[in-house]
Amino acid sequence: VNADSDIYTIEDYVAAVKEAGDSWKMGGTGSGQEDSLMTAMLEQEFGIKHTYVPFKGGGAVAKSLVGGHIDSTVNNPSEQMGFWKAGKSRPIAAFTAERLAAFPDVPTMGELGHPMVYTMQRSFVAPPGTPDEAVAYYTSLFEKLAASEEWKTYTSEKALLPDILTGDELQAYFMEERELHRAILTQTGEIGS
């Protein structure tokens, strides 16, 4: 939320959204994407309703929050980091399984009694039939990158949760995430069961 708001806790947030009714504006990136899914999760968990305002990117969302054009966002921490450091925005909860090192005082939704975890994935994938030598080359390249101090520093400073999965392990993760998304979309009414 904007640092000028009176919202400090998830309870404050839910009360403010309920009081505002349909006029509460939640900004996010696109419709049907991660931010709108998380907004739907919040609505279902707390019985609240937002007016969802989609933007083309996280930077525009962050600027709109501190500019007072929207009331809240579920922005990636890295997109909000500069404004938070400048005292312009206030994180109230994380949708991670554990607290983020960059925000040690911000509780997770689970800690607050709401088992809501959402992990955004970013992956490099290749089409079926990619030559084994190419797969081995890029796998090695990304493993070296993930092990580098520069990458570890970057991900820590940007409040990103780095992980590297390859091959069958990555495929299993994709299948698990597909089922988790199906459950979220079914629970929130975005798709039928």
Protein backbone atom coordinates (compact mmCIF):
# COMPACT_ATOMS: atom_id res chain seq x y z
CA VAL A 1 0.00 0.00 0.00
CA ASN A 2 1.00 3.64 -0.22
CA ALA A 3 3.07 4.65 2.81
CA ASP A 4 0.67 7.57 3.39
CA SER A 5 -2.19 5.16 4.11
CA ASP A 6 -3.34 4.10 7.58
CA ILE A 7 -2.87 0.44 6.62
CA TYR A 8 -0.21 -1.45 8.54
CA THR A 9 -1.64 -4.98 8.86
CA ILE A 10 -3.70 -7.41 6.81
CA GLU A 11 -6.62 -6.69 9.15
CA ASP A 12 -6.31 -2.97 8.39
CA TYR A 13 -6.23 -3.81 4.69
CA VAL A 14 -9.33 -6.01 4.75
CA ALA A 15 -11.26 -3.41 6.74
CA ALA A 16 -10.26 -0.63 4.32
CA VAL A 17 -11.26 -2.65 1.27
CA LYS A 18 -14.61 -3.58 2.81
CA GLU A 19 -15.27 0.03 3.73
CA ALA A 20 -14.41 1.25 0.22
CA GLY A 21 -16.67 -1.28 -1.45
CA ASP A 22 -16.29 -1.42 -5.23
CA SER A 23 -14.19 1.75 -5.29
CA TRP A 24 -11.00 0.06 -3.97
CA LYS A 25 -8.52 -0.13 -6.82
CA MET A 26 -6.03 -3.00 -6.94
CA GLY A 27 -3.37 -2.53 -9.59
CA GLY A 28 -1.65 -5.38 -11.35
CA THR A 29 -0.05 -6.53 -14.55
CA GLY A 30 -2.64 -7.67 -17.04
CA SER A 31 -5.82 -9.65 -16.54
CA GLY A 32 -5.72 -13.40 -15.98
CA GLN A 33 -2.09 -13.18 -14.93
CA GLU A 34 -0.35 -13.62 -11.58
CA ASP A 35 -1.50 -10.32 -10.05
CA SER A 36 -5.14 -10.86 -10.95
CA LEU A 37 -4.97 -14.44 -9.63
CA MET A 38 -3.56 -13.22 -6.32
CA THR A 39 -6.25 -10.54 -6.16
CA ALA A 40 -8.90 -13.22 -6.68
CA MET A 41 -7.26 -15.30 -3.94
CA LEU A 42 -7.48 -12.34 -1.55
CA GLU A 43 -11.13 -11.78 -2.45
CA GLN A 44 -12.01 -15.38 -1.77
CA GLU A 45 -10.01 -15.64 1.45
CA PHE A 46 -11.39 -12.45 3.00
CA GLY A 47 -14.77 -11.98 1.33
CA ILE A 48 -13.71 -8.66 -0.18
CA LYS A 49 -14.05 -7.13 -3.64
CA HIS A 50 -11.54 -5.05 -5.58
CA THR A 51 -11.80 -3.12 -8.80
CA TYR A 52 -8.85 -4.64 -10.62
CA VAL A 53 -6.89 -2.17 -12.76
CA PRO A 54 -4.54 -3.87 -15.25
CA PHE A 55 -1.31 -2.21 -16.37
CA LYS A 56 1.25 -3.19 -19.02
CA GLY A 57 4.05 -3.76 -16.51
CA GLY A 58 5.08 -3.82 -12.86
CA GLY A 59 6.87 -0.47 -13.05
CA ALA A 60 3.66 1.27 -14.09
CA VAL A 61 1.84 -0.47 -11.23
CA ALA A 62 4.45 0.67 -8.69
CA LYS A 63 4.33 4.27 -9.94
CA SER A 64 0.54 4.26 -9.86
CA LEU A 65 0.55 3.10 -6.24
CA VAL A 66 2.86 5.84 -4.99
CA GLY A 67 1.09 8.37 -7.22
CA GLY A 68 -2.23 7.58 -5.54
CA HIS A 69 -3.92 6.31 -8.72
CA ILE A 70 -4.53 2.87 -7.20
CA ASP A 71 -5.02 1.81 -3.59
CA SER A 72 -2.97 -1.38 -3.44
CA THR A 73 -0.99 -3.89 -5.43
CA VAL A 74 0.49 -7.36 -5.22
CA ASN A 75 3.59 -6.18 -7.11
CA ASN A 76 6.74 -8.24 -7.13
CA PRO A 77 8.94 -6.97 -4.30
CA SER A 78 11.69 -6.04 -6.76
CA GLU A 79 9.30 -3.75 -8.64
CA GLN A 80 8.36 -1.94 -5.45
CA MET A 81 11.85 -1.97 -3.84
CA GLY A 82 12.94 1.56 -4.82
CA PHE A 83 9.71 3.11 -3.60
CA TRP A 84 9.85 1.12 -0.36
CA LYS A 85 13.44 2.25 0.28
CA ALA A 86 12.34 5.83 -0.40
CA GLY A 87 9.54 5.48 2.17
CA LYS A 88 6.79 5.76 -0.44
CA SER A 89 5.22 2.30 -0.16
CA ARG A 90 4.58 -0.14 2.67
CA PRO A 91 4.58 -3.92 2.35
CA ILE A 92 2.10 -5.55 4.71
CA ALA A 93 2.38 -9.26 3.88
CA ALA A 94 4.29 -11.67 1.66
CA PHE A 95 2.79 -14.51 -0.36
CA THR A 96 5.94 -16.57 0.14
CA ALA A 97 6.35 -19.71 2.23
CA GLU A 98 9.02 -17.99 4.34
CA ARG A 99 9.85 -14.35 5.04
CA LEU A 100 11.92 -12.56 2.44
CA ALA A 101 15.41 -11.60 3.61
CA ALA A 102 14.99 -8.14 2.06
CA PHE A 103 11.82 -7.59 4.14
CA PRO A 104 12.56 -9.33 7.45
CA ASP A 105 9.79 -7.49 9.31
CA VAL A 106 7.06 -8.34 6.80
CA PRO A 107 5.12 -11.47 7.82
CA THR A 108 3.99 -14.11 5.38
CA MET A 109 0.30 -14.69 4.82
CA GLY A 110 0.79 -18.12 6.41
CA GLU A 111 2.18 -16.52 9.57
CA LEU A 112 -0.93 -14.37 9.64
CA GLY A 113 -3.16 -17.44 9.60
CA HIS A 114 -3.94 -17.41 5.87
CA PRO A 115 -2.22 -20.26 3.97
CA MET A 116 -1.76 -18.26 0.79
CA VAL A 117 1.46 -18.89 -1.13
CA TYR A 118 2.09 -17.88 -4.70
CA THR A 119 5.38 -18.39 -6.47
CA MET A 120 6.10 -16.70 -9.77
CA GLN A 121 8.24 -18.82 -12.00
CA ARG A 122 10.61 -17.70 -14.67
CA SER A 123 12.16 -20.37 -16.86
CA PHE A 124 14.07 -20.97 -20.02
CA VAL A 125 12.57 -23.78 -22.03
CA ALA A 126 13.42 -25.31 -25.40
CA PRO A 127 11.20 -27.11 -27.89
CA PRO A 128 11.04 -30.90 -28.07
CA GLY A 129 13.81 -32.37 -30.14
CA THR A 130 16.43 -29.83 -29.10
CA PRO A 131 19.82 -31.52 -29.61
CA ASP A 132 21.32 -33.02 -26.44
CA GLU A 133 24.49 -30.92 -26.91
CA ALA A 134 22.44 -27.70 -26.88
CA VAL A 135 20.52 -28.79 -23.77
CA ALA A 136 23.78 -29.66 -22.01
CA TYR A 137 25.39 -26.35 -23.02
CA TYR A 138 22.54 -24.17 -21.76
CA THR A 139 22.01 -26.25 -18.63
CA SER A 140 25.69 -25.81 -17.75
CA LEU A 141 25.55 -22.09 -18.57
CA PHE A 142 22.57 -21.46 -16.28
CA GLU A 143 23.97 -23.62 -13.48
CA LYS A 144 27.16 -21.51 -13.57
CA LEU A 145 25.11 -18.33 -13.55
CA ALA A 146 23.02 -19.54 -10.59
CA ALA A 147 26.18 -20.37 -8.62
CA SER A 148 27.82 -16.99 -9.26
CA GLU A 149 28.18 -14.45 -6.46
CA GLU A 150 26.84 -11.75 -8.78
CA TRP A 151 23.57 -13.69 -9.25
CA LYS A 152 23.27 -14.48 -5.56
CA THR A 153 23.75 -10.80 -4.69
CA TYR A 154 21.28 -9.67 -7.36
CA THR A 155 18.55 -12.06 -6.27
CA SER A 156 19.04 -11.18 -2.61
CA GLU A 157 18.93 -7.43 -3.22
CA LYS A 158 15.83 -7.74 -5.43
CA ALA A 159 13.98 -10.02 -2.97
CA LEU A 160 13.89 -12.84 -5.51
CA LEU A 161 13.86 -16.50 -4.49
CA PRO A 162 16.43 -18.18 -6.71
CA ASP A 163 16.19 -21.83 -7.55
CA ILE A 164 17.41 -23.87 -10.45
CA LEU A 165 15.62 -26.91 -11.76
CA THR A 166 16.49 -28.78 -14.94
CA GLY A 167 15.27 -31.76 -16.92
CA ASP A 168 12.82 -34.12 -15.25
CA GLU A 169 12.83 -32.08 -12.04
CA LEU A 170 11.75 -28.95 -13.94
CA GLN A 171 9.09 -30.91 -15.83
CA ALA A 172 7.70 -32.28 -12.54
CA TYR A 173 7.62 -28.72 -11.17
CA PHE A 174 5.68 -27.52 -14.23
CA MET A 175 3.12 -30.30 -13.76
CA GLU A 176 2.74 -29.49 -10.06
CA GLU A 177 2.33 -25.77 -10.83
CA ARG A 178 -0.24 -26.55 -13.51
CA GLU A 179 -2.36 -28.41 -10.95
CA LEU A 180 -1.91 -25.66 -8.36
CA HIS A 181 -3.06 -23.07 -10.91
CA ARG A 182 -6.01 -25.24 -11.89
CA ALA A 183 -7.03 -25.37 -8.20
CA ILE A 184 -6.62 -21.59 -7.80
CA LEU A 185 -8.62 -20.87 -10.96
CA THR A 186 -11.34 -23.31 -9.88
CA GLN A 187 -11.53 -21.93 -6.32
CA THR A 188 -11.70 -18.34 -7.52
CA GLY A 189 -14.31 -19.11 -10.15
CA GLU A 190 -12.04 -18.22 -13.08
CA ILE A 191 -12.69 -21.69 -14.58
CA GLY A 192 -15.26 -24.39 -13.91
CA SER A 193 -14.32 -27.52 -11.98
